[in-house]
Amino acid sequence: MSDRPEGIQLIRSGATARVVLNRPPLNILDLPALRDLKATLDELPDPPELCFLVFLGSGVKAFSAGVDVRDHLGDRIADMLATFHGVFRTLWSRSWVTVAAVRGHCLGGGMELATFCDFVLAADTAKFAQPEIKLGCFPPVAAVILPLLIGPKRTLDLLLTGRTVSAAEAAALGLVSRVVPEASLEEATEQLLGELGQLSPAAHTLTKKAVWRAQQFDFEGALAETEEIYLNSLMKTQDAQEGLKAFLEKRPPVWAGH
């Protein structure tokens, strides 16, 4: 077990690694935590030495409330975005079967991380949202991946309103694999890992590859285009700067429309 000061805890057990977002109560990911998360993933071995990667949040209040809003401002935004998206690029390029075990709030970048996983197990009390629009922003990874998971109409419903959905609605939309009683989340995770552990790591790898190839999906290209819009268009608008600053100053934003 490795407990890092930046807030990422790694627990290895056989062919499984658990990555704990360890900044309770909301497990918000600031830039040091994101750097450590990226470094942690980069150091992990491929199958068959390590086959399963489980993400979970420390405590009971949240899986993660997302990336620190302060890291969206000034000269930190480019570094934050590159580091955060580097996490997804690593997950995309590696062959692990990934599982998110979600209890409590799963918001913003936390929801992006969870829904990017192959399996999302959610406690029945979990809540999901991409609230970036309320800050005058949008979530780049969600904009890329959610249309493939739930279609463009449902994606726009979530991204353009920022509304919160229950675990049951998230499952109905196709964002969650299984909903379980909160007290049974750990047991359900272990049961899933036990089922997967009886199967071929090579077959898992090739099945994932076949599914995404069938979508004719260029993740790297799509994410690069979305990053360009985010950094060089959105972040130069007055509304984006106003929304982020208003959140930090705990006041209603005053939108300029540009």
C-alpha atoms as a PDB file:
ATOM      1  CA  MET A   1       0.000   0.000   0.000  1.00  0.00           C
ATOM      2  CA  SER A   2       1.246   3.484  -0.880  1.00  0.00           C
ATOM      3  CA  ASP A   3      -0.253   6.614   0.676  1.00  0.00           C
ATOM      4  CA  ARG A   4       0.891   9.787  -1.027  1.00  0.00           C
ATOM      5  CA  PRO A   5       0.632  13.264   0.540  1.00  0.00           C
ATOM      6  CA  GLU A   6      -1.058  14.678  -2.549  1.00  0.00           C
ATOM      7  CA  GLY A   7      -4.126  12.556  -1.879  1.00  0.00           C
ATOM      8  CA  ILE A   8      -3.795   9.404  -3.989  1.00  0.00           C
ATOM      9  CA  GLN A   9      -3.657   6.039  -2.236  1.00  0.00           C
ATOM     10  CA  LEU A  10      -2.638   2.918  -4.121  1.00  0.00           C
ATOM     11  CA  ILE A  11      -3.506  -0.532  -2.777  1.00  0.00           C
ATOM     12  CA  ARG A  12      -2.138  -3.559  -4.683  1.00  0.00           C
ATOM     13  CA  SER A  13      -3.516  -7.057  -4.209  1.00  0.00           C
ATOM     14  CA  GLY A  14      -2.557  -9.714  -6.729  1.00  0.00           C
ATOM     15  CA  ALA A  15      -3.772  -8.738 -10.198  1.00  0.00           C
ATOM     16  CA  THR A  16      -5.874  -5.882  -8.811  1.00  0.00           C
ATOM     17  CA  ALA A  17      -4.929  -2.314  -7.910  1.00  0.00           C
ATOM     18  CA  ARG A  18      -7.240   0.048  -6.053  1.00  0.00           C
ATOM     19  CA  VAL A  19      -6.704   3.747  -6.594  1.00  0.00           C
ATOM     20  CA  VAL A  20      -8.290   5.722  -3.779  1.00  0.00           C
ATOM     21  CA  LEU A  21      -9.010   9.420  -4.280  1.00  0.00           C
ATOM     22  CA  ASN A  22      -7.997  10.295  -0.746  1.00  0.00           C
ATOM     23  CA  ARG A  23      -8.915  13.941  -0.131  1.00  0.00           C
ATOM     24  CA  PRO A  24     -12.072  13.702   1.983  1.00  0.00           C
ATOM     25  CA  PRO A  25     -14.730  14.820   2.379  1.00  0.00           C
ATOM     26  CA  LEU A  26     -15.225  15.645  -1.343  1.00  0.00           C
ATOM     27  CA  ASN A  27     -12.012  14.172  -2.807  1.00  0.00           C
ATOM     28  CA  ILE A  28     -11.485  17.222  -4.978  1.00  0.00           C
ATOM     29  CA  LEU A  29      -8.543  16.749  -7.321  1.00  0.00           C
ATOM     30  CA  ASP A  30      -6.098  19.641  -7.295  1.00  0.00           C
ATOM     31  CA  LEU A  31      -3.089  19.820  -9.604  1.00  0.00           C
ATOM     32  CA  PRO A  32      -0.662  17.997  -7.249  1.00  0.00           C
ATOM     33  CA  ALA A  33      -3.190  15.171  -6.818  1.00  0.00           C
ATOM     34  CA  LEU A  34      -3.697  14.967 -10.582  1.00  0.00           C
ATOM     35  CA  ARG A  35       0.040  14.782 -11.152  1.00  0.00           C
ATOM     36  CA  ASP A  36       0.305  12.008  -8.607  1.00  0.00           C
ATOM     37  CA  LEU A  37      -2.656  10.156 -10.109  1.00  0.00           C
ATOM     38  CA  LYS A  38      -1.046  10.302 -13.567  1.00  0.00           C
ATOM     39  CA  ALA A  39       2.317   9.165 -12.206  1.00  0.00           C
ATOM     40  CA  THR A  40       0.664   6.347 -10.260  1.00  0.00           C
ATOM     41  CA  LEU A  41      -1.059   5.000 -13.362  1.00  0.00           C
ATOM     42  CA  ASP A  42       2.059   5.319 -15.490  1.00  0.00           C
ATOM     43  CA  GLU A  43       4.029   3.172 -13.031  1.00  0.00           C
ATOM     44  CA  LEU A  44       1.551   0.280 -12.970  1.00  0.00           C
ATOM     45  CA  PRO A  45       2.332  -2.884 -14.967  1.00  0.00           C
ATOM     46  CA  ASP A  46       0.228  -4.302 -17.778  1.00  0.00           C
ATOM     47  CA  PRO A  47      -1.710  -7.589 -17.767  1.00  0.00           C
ATOM     48  CA  PRO A  48      -1.267 -10.331 -16.800  1.00  0.00           C
ATOM     49  CA  GLU A  49       0.707  -8.906 -13.847  1.00  0.00           C
ATOM     50  CA  LEU A  50      -2.005  -6.314 -13.232  1.00  0.00           C
ATOM     51  CA  CYS A  51      -5.400  -6.880 -14.827  1.00  0.00           C
ATOM     52  CA  PHE A  52      -7.934  -4.818 -12.867  1.00  0.00           C
ATOM     53  CA  LEU A  53      -7.926  -1.191 -11.788  1.00  0.00           C
ATOM     54  CA  VAL A  54     -10.557  -0.019  -9.299  1.00  0.00           C
ATOM     55  CA  PHE A  55     -11.203   3.666  -8.577  1.00  0.00           C
ATOM     56  CA  LEU A  56     -12.966   4.723  -5.395  1.00  0.00           C
ATOM     57  CA  GLY A  57     -13.266   7.757  -3.176  1.00  0.00           C
ATOM     58  CA  SER A  58     -12.245   8.043   0.450  1.00  0.00           C
ATOM     59  CA  GLY A  59     -15.123   8.333   2.916  1.00  0.00           C
ATOM     60  CA  VAL A  60     -18.844   8.175   2.250  1.00  0.00           C
ATOM     61  CA  LYS A  61     -19.692  11.689   1.064  1.00  0.00           C
ATOM     62  CA  ALA A  62     -18.203  11.613  -2.427  1.00  0.00           C
ATOM     63  CA  PHE A  63     -16.432   9.575  -5.060  1.00  0.00           C
ATOM     64  CA  SER A  64     -15.073  12.930  -6.217  1.00  0.00           C
ATOM     65  CA  ALA A  65     -16.510  16.401  -6.660  1.00  0.00           C
ATOM     66  CA  GLY A  66     -14.096  16.946  -9.532  1.00  0.00           C
ATOM     67  CA  VAL A  67     -11.066  19.071 -10.323  1.00  0.00           C
ATOM     68  CA  ASP A  68     -10.225  22.084  -8.151  1.00  0.00           C
ATOM     69  CA  VAL A  69     -11.858  25.167  -9.680  1.00  0.00           C
ATOM     70  CA  ARG A  70      -8.807  27.264  -8.791  1.00  0.00           C
ATOM     71  CA  ASP A  71      -6.745  25.196 -11.201  1.00  0.00           C
ATOM     72  CA  HIS A  72      -8.957  26.356 -14.076  1.00  0.00           C
ATOM     73  CA  LEU A  73      -7.725  29.952 -13.768  1.00  0.00           C
ATOM     74  CA  GLY A  74      -4.714  31.892 -14.992  1.00  0.00           C
ATOM     75  CA  ASP A  75      -1.575  30.070 -15.983  1.00  0.00           C
ATOM     76  CA  ARG A  76      -2.659  26.845 -14.253  1.00  0.00           C
ATOM     77  CA  ILE A  77      -5.376  25.861 -16.734  1.00  0.00           C
ATOM     78  CA  ALA A  78      -3.093  24.485 -19.463  1.00  0.00           C
ATOM     79  CA  ASP A  79      -1.060  22.420 -16.990  1.00  0.00           C
ATOM     80  CA  MET A  80      -4.194  21.152 -15.248  1.00  0.00           C
ATOM     81  CA  LEU A  81      -5.894  20.163 -18.485  1.00  0.00           C
ATOM     82  CA  ALA A  82      -2.805  18.407 -19.853  1.00  0.00           C
ATOM     83  CA  THR A  83      -2.321  16.499 -16.592  1.00  0.00           C
ATOM     84  CA  PHE A  84      -5.983  15.601 -16.134  1.00  0.00           C
ATOM     85  CA  HIS A  85      -6.385  14.484 -19.718  1.00  0.00           C
ATOM     86  CA  GLY A  86      -3.103  12.607 -19.422  1.00  0.00           C
ATOM     87  CA  VAL A  87      -4.881  10.349 -16.924  1.00  0.00           C
ATOM     88  CA  PHE A  88      -7.452   9.445 -19.574  1.00  0.00           C
ATOM     89  CA  ARG A  89      -4.833   9.021 -22.273  1.00  0.00           C
ATOM     90  CA  THR A  90      -3.028   6.541 -20.023  1.00  0.00           C
ATOM     91  CA  LEU A  91      -6.248   4.646 -19.281  1.00  0.00           C
ATOM     92  CA  TRP A  92      -7.076   4.599 -22.992  1.00  0.00           C
ATOM     93  CA  SER A  93      -3.690   3.248 -24.016  1.00  0.00           C
ATOM     94  CA  ARG A  94      -3.400   0.519 -21.371  1.00  0.00           C
ATOM     95  CA  SER A  95      -5.144  -2.856 -21.209  1.00  0.00           C
ATOM     96  CA  TRP A  96      -6.569  -2.956 -17.686  1.00  0.00           C
ATOM     97  CA  VAL A  97     -10.230  -3.620 -17.043  1.00  0.00           C
ATOM     98  CA  THR A  98     -11.305  -0.546 -15.089  1.00  0.00           C
ATOM     99  CA  VAL A  99     -14.004  -0.304 -12.425  1.00  0.00           C
ATOM    100  CA  ALA A 100     -15.389   2.752 -10.622  1.00  0.00           C
ATOM    101  CA  ALA A 101     -17.047   2.051  -7.276  1.00  0.00           C
ATOM    102  CA  VAL A 102     -19.130   5.160  -6.641  1.00  0.00           C
ATOM    103  CA  ARG A 103     -20.801   6.325  -3.475  1.00  0.00           C
ATOM    104  CA  GLY A 104     -21.961   9.829  -2.660  1.00  0.00           C
ATOM    105  CA  HIS A 105     -21.402  12.742  -5.037  1.00  0.00           C
ATOM    106  CA  CYS A 106     -19.755  12.037  -8.391  1.00  0.00           C
ATOM    107  CA  LEU A 107     -19.397  15.426 -10.051  1.00  0.00           C
ATOM    108  CA  GLY A 108     -17.480  17.161 -12.824  1.00  0.00           C
ATOM    109  CA  GLY A 109     -14.092  15.570 -13.368  1.00  0.00           C
ATOM    110  CA  GLY A 110     -15.062  12.864 -10.891  1.00  0.00           C
ATOM    111  CA  MET A 111     -17.961  11.851 -13.111  1.00  0.00           C
ATOM    112  CA  GLU A 112     -15.703  11.954 -16.166  1.00  0.00           C
ATOM    113  CA  LEU A 113     -13.269   9.575 -14.454  1.00  0.00           C
ATOM    114  CA  ALA A 114     -16.020   7.220 -13.287  1.00  0.00           C
ATOM    115  CA  THR A 115     -17.922   7.025 -16.563  1.00  0.00           C
ATOM    116  CA  PHE A 116     -14.679   6.495 -18.509  1.00  0.00           C
ATOM    117  CA  CYS A 117     -14.259   3.187 -16.687  1.00  0.00           C
ATOM    118  CA  ASP A 118     -15.412  -0.109 -18.191  1.00  0.00           C
ATOM    119  CA  PHE A 119     -17.705  -0.785 -15.228  1.00  0.00           C
ATOM    120  CA  VAL A 120     -19.468   1.712 -12.980  1.00  0.00           C
ATOM    121  CA  LEU A 121     -20.888   0.226  -9.793  1.00  0.00           C
ATOM    122  CA  ALA A 122     -22.975   2.828  -7.976  1.00  0.00           C
ATOM    123  CA  ALA A 123     -24.462   2.880  -4.523  1.00  0.00           C
ATOM    124  CA  ASP A 124     -28.188   3.550  -4.711  1.00  0.00           C
ATOM    125  CA  THR A 125     -27.608   6.864  -2.928  1.00  0.00           C
ATOM    126  CA  ALA A 126     -24.989   8.113  -5.414  1.00  0.00           C
ATOM    127  CA  LYS A 127     -25.549  11.339  -7.339  1.00  0.00           C
ATOM    128  CA  PHE A 128     -24.049  12.225 -10.709  1.00  0.00           C
ATOM    129  CA  ALA A 129     -23.667  15.583 -12.463  1.00  0.00           C
ATOM    130  CA  GLN A 130     -21.550  17.530 -14.932  1.00  0.00           C
ATOM    131  CA  PRO A 131     -22.194  21.004 -13.486  1.00  0.00           C
ATOM    132  CA  GLU A 132     -19.486  22.835 -15.465  1.00  0.00           C
ATOM    133  CA  ILE A 133     -22.057  24.823 -17.463  1.00  0.00           C
ATOM    134  CA  LYS A 134     -22.988  26.629 -14.238  1.00  0.00           C
ATOM    135  CA  LEU A 135     -19.444  27.992 -14.177  1.00  0.00           C
ATOM    136  CA  GLY A 136     -19.540  28.999 -17.840  1.00  0.00           C
ATOM    137  CA  CYS A 137     -17.513  25.957 -18.914  1.00  0.00           C
ATOM    138  CA  PHE A 138     -17.949  22.446 -20.317  1.00  0.00           C
ATOM    139  CA  PRO A 139     -16.293  19.089 -19.500  1.00  0.00           C
ATOM    140  CA  PRO A 140     -14.008  18.089 -22.412  1.00  0.00           C
ATOM    141  CA  VAL A 141     -13.747  14.364 -21.670  1.00  0.00           C
ATOM    142  CA  ALA A 142     -17.504  14.068 -21.113  1.00  0.00           C
ATOM    143  CA  ALA A 143     -18.116  15.930 -24.371  1.00  0.00           C
ATOM    144  CA  VAL A 144     -16.002  13.302 -26.147  1.00  0.00           C
ATOM    145  CA  ILE A 145     -17.057  10.083 -24.433  1.00  0.00           C
ATOM    146  CA  LEU A 146     -20.685  10.542 -23.324  1.00  0.00           C
ATOM    147  CA  PRO A 147     -22.191  10.752 -26.835  1.00  0.00           C
ATOM    148  CA  LEU A 148     -20.788   7.268 -27.470  1.00  0.00           C
ATOM    149  CA  LEU A 149     -22.189   5.951 -24.210  1.00  0.00           C
ATOM    150  CA  ILE A 150     -25.637   7.545 -24.137  1.00  0.00           C
ATOM    151  CA  GLY A 151     -26.074   9.444 -27.427  1.00  0.00           C
ATOM    152  CA  PRO A 152     -25.866  13.176 -28.233  1.00  0.00           C
ATOM    153  CA  LYS A 153     -29.359  14.162 -27.032  1.00  0.00           C
ATOM    154  CA  ARG A 154     -28.920  12.694 -23.571  1.00  0.00           C
ATOM    155  CA  THR A 155     -25.399  14.089 -23.410  1.00  0.00           C
ATOM    156  CA  LEU A 156     -26.608  17.594 -24.205  1.00  0.00           C
ATOM    157  CA  ASP A 157     -29.384  17.231 -21.636  1.00  0.00           C
ATOM    158  CA  LEU A 158     -26.733  16.661 -18.965  1.00  0.00           C
ATOM    159  CA  LEU A 159     -24.061  19.073 -20.182  1.00  0.00           C
ATOM    160  CA  LEU A 160     -26.294  22.023 -21.102  1.00  0.00           C
ATOM    161  CA  THR A 161     -28.289  21.922 -17.852  1.00  0.00           C
ATOM    162  CA  GLY A 162     -25.701  20.613 -15.386  1.00  0.00           C
ATOM    163  CA  ARG A 163     -28.516  18.802 -13.628  1.00  0.00           C
ATOM    164  CA  THR A 164     -27.967  16.114 -11.017  1.00  0.00           C
ATOM    165  CA  VAL A 165     -29.209  12.583 -11.657  1.00  0.00           C
ATOM    166  CA  SER A 166     -29.702   9.716  -9.239  1.00  0.00           C
ATOM    167  CA  ALA A 167     -27.911   6.406  -9.526  1.00  0.00           C
ATOM    168  CA  ALA A 168     -31.122   4.866 -10.865  1.00  0.00           C
ATOM    169  CA  GLU A 169     -31.465   7.498 -13.610  1.00  0.00           C
ATOM    170  CA  ALA A 170     -27.766   7.228 -14.424  1.00  0.00           C
ATOM    171  CA  ALA A 171     -28.243   3.482 -14.903  1.00  0.00           C
ATOM    172  CA  ALA A 172     -31.310   4.050 -17.085  1.00  0.00           C
ATOM    173  CA  LEU A 173     -29.300   6.500 -19.214  1.00  0.00           C
ATOM    174  CA  GLY A 174     -26.491   3.977 -19.636  1.00  0.00           C
ATOM    175  CA  LEU A 175     -23.875   5.691 -17.485  1.00  0.00           C
ATOM    176  CA  VAL A 176     -23.912   3.113 -14.689  1.00  0.00           C
ATOM    177  CA  SER A 177     -23.441  -0.640 -15.055  1.00  0.00           C
ATOM    178  CA  ARG A 178     -25.059  -1.752 -11.801  1.00  0.00           C
ATOM    179  CA  VAL A 179     -26.816  -0.058  -8.875  1.00  0.00           C
ATOM    180  CA  VAL A 180     -26.475  -1.721  -5.481  1.00  0.00           C
ATOM    181  CA  PRO A 181     -27.453  -0.848  -1.891  1.00  0.00           C
ATOM    182  CA  GLU A 182     -24.866   1.484  -0.400  1.00  0.00           C
ATOM    183  CA  ALA A 183     -23.941  -1.030   2.293  1.00  0.00           C
ATOM    184  CA  SER A 184     -23.263  -3.649  -0.403  1.00  0.00           C
ATOM    185  CA  LEU A 185     -20.987  -1.606  -2.683  1.00  0.00           C
ATOM    186  CA  GLU A 186     -17.736  -3.183  -1.516  1.00  0.00           C
ATOM    187  CA  GLU A 187     -19.246  -6.667  -1.662  1.00  0.00           C
ATOM    188  CA  ALA A 188     -20.569  -6.047  -5.182  1.00  0.00           C
ATOM    189  CA  THR A 189     -17.148  -4.784  -6.275  1.00  0.00           C
ATOM    190  CA  GLU A 190     -15.440  -7.882  -4.892  1.00  0.00           C
ATOM    191  CA  GLN A 191     -18.001 -10.126  -6.563  1.00  0.00           C
ATOM    192  CA  LEU A 192     -17.413  -8.455  -9.928  1.00  0.00           C
ATOM    193  CA  LEU A 193     -13.645  -8.756  -9.566  1.00  0.00           C
ATOM    194  CA  GLY A 194     -14.064 -12.416  -8.664  1.00  0.00           C
ATOM    195  CA  GLU A 195     -16.133 -13.026 -11.799  1.00  0.00           C
ATOM    196  CA  LEU A 196     -13.667 -11.192 -14.011  1.00  0.00           C
ATOM    197  CA  GLY A 197     -10.695 -12.923 -12.416  1.00  0.00           C
ATOM    198  CA  GLN A 198     -11.907 -16.281 -13.713  1.00  0.00           C
ATOM    199  CA  LEU A 199     -11.628 -15.086 -17.308  1.00  0.00           C
ATOM    200  CA  SER A 200      -8.805 -14.558 -19.792  1.00  0.00           C
ATOM    201  CA  PRO A 201      -6.826 -11.297 -19.510  1.00  0.00           C
ATOM    202  CA  ALA A 202      -5.959 -11.566 -23.204  1.00  0.00           C
ATOM    203  CA  ALA A 203      -9.622 -11.928 -24.137  1.00  0.00           C
ATOM    204  CA  HIS A 204     -10.510  -8.931 -21.987  1.00  0.00           C
ATOM    205  CA  THR A 205      -7.923  -6.808 -23.764  1.00  0.00           C
ATOM    206  CA  LEU A 206      -9.024  -7.811 -27.247  1.00  0.00           C
ATOM    207  CA  THR A 207     -12.719  -7.486 -26.408  1.00  0.00           C
ATOM    208  CA  LYS A 208     -12.222  -3.877 -25.310  1.00  0.00           C
ATOM    209  CA  LYS A 209     -10.215  -3.186 -28.454  1.00  0.00           C
ATOM    210  CA  ALA A 210     -12.919  -4.712 -30.670  1.00  0.00           C
ATOM    211  CA  VAL A 211     -15.744  -2.746 -29.012  1.00  0.00           C
ATOM    212  CA  TRP A 212     -14.053   0.613 -29.476  1.00  0.00           C
ATOM    213  CA  ARG A 213     -12.818  -0.213 -32.983  1.00  0.00           C
ATOM    214  CA  ALA A 214     -16.414  -1.027 -33.926  1.00  0.00           C
ATOM    215  CA  GLN A 215     -17.381   2.520 -32.940  1.00  0.00           C
ATOM    216  CA  GLN A 216     -14.724   3.849 -35.347  1.00  0.00           C
ATOM    217  CA  PHE A 217     -13.736   6.085 -32.476  1.00  0.00           C
ATOM    218  CA  ASP A 218     -10.549   8.192 -32.521  1.00  0.00           C
ATOM    219  CA  PHE A 219     -10.247   9.127 -28.852  1.00  0.00           C
ATOM    220  CA  GLU A 220      -6.918  10.917 -29.196  1.00  0.00           C
ATOM    221  CA  GLY A 221      -8.103  12.999 -32.137  1.00  0.00           C
ATOM    222  CA  ALA A 222     -11.442  13.847 -30.557  1.00  0.00           C
ATOM    223  CA  LEU A 223      -9.852  14.833 -27.253  1.00  0.00           C
ATOM    224  CA  ALA A 224      -7.239  16.991 -28.983  1.00  0.00           C
ATOM    225  CA  GLU A 225      -9.955  18.896 -30.868  1.00  0.00           C
ATOM    226  CA  THR A 226     -11.959  19.352 -27.672  1.00  0.00           C
ATOM    227  CA  GLU A 227      -8.893  20.624 -25.809  1.00  0.00           C
ATOM    228  CA  GLU A 228      -8.326  23.177 -28.561  1.00  0.00           C
ATOM    229  CA  ILE A 229     -11.867  24.499 -28.176  1.00  0.00           C
ATOM    230  CA  TYR A 230     -11.588  24.539 -24.387  1.00  0.00           C
ATOM    231  CA  LEU A 231      -8.213  26.273 -24.097  1.00  0.00           C
ATOM    232  CA  ASN A 232      -8.223  28.628 -27.077  1.00  0.00           C
ATOM    233  CA  SER A 233     -11.897  29.517 -27.344  1.00  0.00           C
ATOM    234  CA  LEU A 234     -13.831  28.841 -24.140  1.00  0.00           C
ATOM    235  CA  MET A 235     -11.146  29.979 -21.690  1.00  0.00           C
ATOM    236  CA  LYS A 236     -10.787  33.255 -23.565  1.00  0.00           C
ATOM    237  CA  THR A 237     -14.441  34.167 -23.074  1.00  0.00           C
ATOM    238  CA  GLN A 238     -15.482  36.641 -20.407  1.00  0.00           C
ATOM    239  CA  ASP A 239     -18.212  34.260 -19.261  1.00  0.00           C
ATOM    240  CA  ALA A 240     -15.805  31.425 -18.449  1.00  0.00           C
ATOM    241  CA  GLN A 241     -13.615  33.693 -16.338  1.00  0.00           C
ATOM    242  CA  GLU A 242     -16.670  35.202 -14.648  1.00  0.00           C
ATOM    243  CA  GLY A 243     -18.231  31.827 -13.865  1.00  0.00           C
ATOM    244  CA  LEU A 244     -15.091  30.427 -12.283  1.00  0.00           C
ATOM    245  CA  LYS A 245     -14.368  33.551 -10.261  1.00  0.00           C
ATOM    246  CA  ALA A 246     -17.991  33.826  -9.112  1.00  0.00           C
ATOM    247  CA  PHE A 247     -17.862  30.246  -7.831  1.00  0.00           C
ATOM    248  CA  LEU A 248     -14.708  30.919  -5.829  1.00  0.00           C
ATOM    249  CA  GLU A 249     -16.115  34.217  -4.525  1.00  0.00           C
ATOM    250  CA  LYS A 250     -19.413  32.499  -3.597  1.00  0.00           C
ATOM    251  CA  ARG A 251     -21.607  34.892  -5.573  1.00  0.00           C
ATOM    252  CA  PRO A 252     -23.987  34.573  -8.532  1.00  0.00           C
ATOM    253  CA  PRO A 253     -22.245  35.014 -11.894  1.00  0.00           C
ATOM    254  CA  VAL A 254     -23.100  37.927 -14.160  1.00  0.00           C
ATOM    255  CA  TRP A 255     -23.017  36.604 -17.714  1.00  0.00           C
ATOM    256  CA  ALA A 256     -21.844  38.816 -20.565  1.00  0.00           C
ATOM    257  CA  GLY A 257     -22.698  36.363 -23.329  1.00  0.00           C
ATOM    258  CA  HIS A 258     -19.197  36.331 -24.796  1.00  0.00           C
END
